[in-house]
Every structure is written in C-alpha cells, then in structure tokens.
Protein backbone atom coordinates (compact mmCIF):
# COMPACT_ATOMS: atom_id res chain seq x y z
CA MET A 1 40.61 11.90 -24.22
CA THR A 2 38.60 8.65 -24.42
CA GLY A 3 36.38 9.12 -27.55
CA SER A 4 33.28 9.44 -25.34
CA THR A 5 31.08 12.46 -23.17
CA GLY A 6 29.13 12.14 -20.32
CA ASN A 7 27.83 14.89 -17.96
CA ALA A 8 24.40 15.97 -15.97
CA ALA A 9 21.54 18.71 -16.55
CA ASP A 10 20.28 19.91 -14.12
CA PRO A 11 16.70 22.21 -15.47
CA GLY A 12 15.51 23.37 -13.04
CA TRP A 13 12.00 23.76 -11.79
CA THR A 14 10.26 23.67 -15.01
CA ARG A 15 6.49 24.01 -16.12
CA SER A 16 6.21 20.76 -17.03
CA GLY A 17 4.03 17.29 -15.99
CA MET A 18 6.09 17.00 -13.35
CA GLY A 19 6.81 20.33 -12.28
CA GLY A 20 3.63 21.69 -12.98
CA PRO A 21 2.32 25.05 -13.92
CA SER A 22 3.31 26.95 -11.37
CA ALA A 23 7.15 26.24 -11.68
CA PRO A 24 9.07 29.71 -13.30
CA ARG A 25 10.29 28.75 -16.35
CA GLY A 26 9.16 27.71 -19.62
CA PRO A 27 10.11 24.38 -21.28
CA ALA A 28 12.71 26.04 -23.57
CA GLU A 29 14.44 27.34 -20.55
CA GLY A 30 14.59 23.93 -19.25
CA ALA A 31 15.06 22.61 -22.40
CA ASP A 32 18.63 24.82 -22.70
CA THR A 33 21.72 23.51 -20.72
CA PRO A 34 20.62 19.23 -21.57
CA VAL A 35 20.35 20.87 -25.59
CA TRP A 36 23.59 23.12 -25.33
CA LEU A 37 25.38 19.81 -23.63
CA ALA A 38 24.73 17.58 -26.10
CA THR A 39 25.78 19.67 -29.29
CA LEU A 40 28.97 21.25 -27.14
CA PRO A 41 32.03 19.56 -28.93
CA ASP A 42 34.21 16.56 -27.23
CA SER A 43 36.74 17.35 -24.35
CA ASP A 44 38.17 16.32 -21.53
CA GLU A 45 37.49 19.49 -19.88
CA THR A 46 34.10 19.07 -19.85
CA THR A 47 32.97 15.54 -19.18
CA GLY A 48 31.93 13.97 -16.17
CA ARG A 49 30.47 17.41 -14.69
CA LEU A 50 27.34 18.41 -13.84
CA PHE A 51 25.79 21.86 -15.00
CA ALA A 52 22.92 24.25 -14.48
CA GLY A 53 22.32 27.87 -16.25
CA ARG A 54 25.45 26.24 -18.79
CA GLU A 55 27.66 26.42 -15.67
CA PRO A 56 29.84 24.38 -13.64
CA LEU A 57 28.63 23.01 -10.78
CA PRO A 58 30.65 21.39 -7.49
CA TRP A 59 29.25 18.08 -6.17
C-alpha cells in the first residue's frame, strides 16, 4: 500500500446550479458515492477507479 488513495466519482445528473431543477437526483443522492468513497479505509483494491452508485465503472 502506498499510503494514499485516489478515486473519481460520478454523481449523476443532480439538481444543482449546474444540473438544473429538472435533474432526477437530489443533492443527497448525488453526494452519496463521493461521501462513501471519502470514508472508505485506504486500500490498494479501491484506488485509481471511477465509481457511480457505489460501483466501479470500467474505463
């Protein structure tokens, strides 16, 4: 383990100044995956990945 973890999160189309009022997801839903990632313990298995809905996406 390197001592640091870095991931990316896609919040989806979320109601905000950028997403607008018609977006189907509320702010709490949009924040769920980023907050979940921020609170995970450091791990070589969950670093350098892109996540949406708490699931890793291929890239």
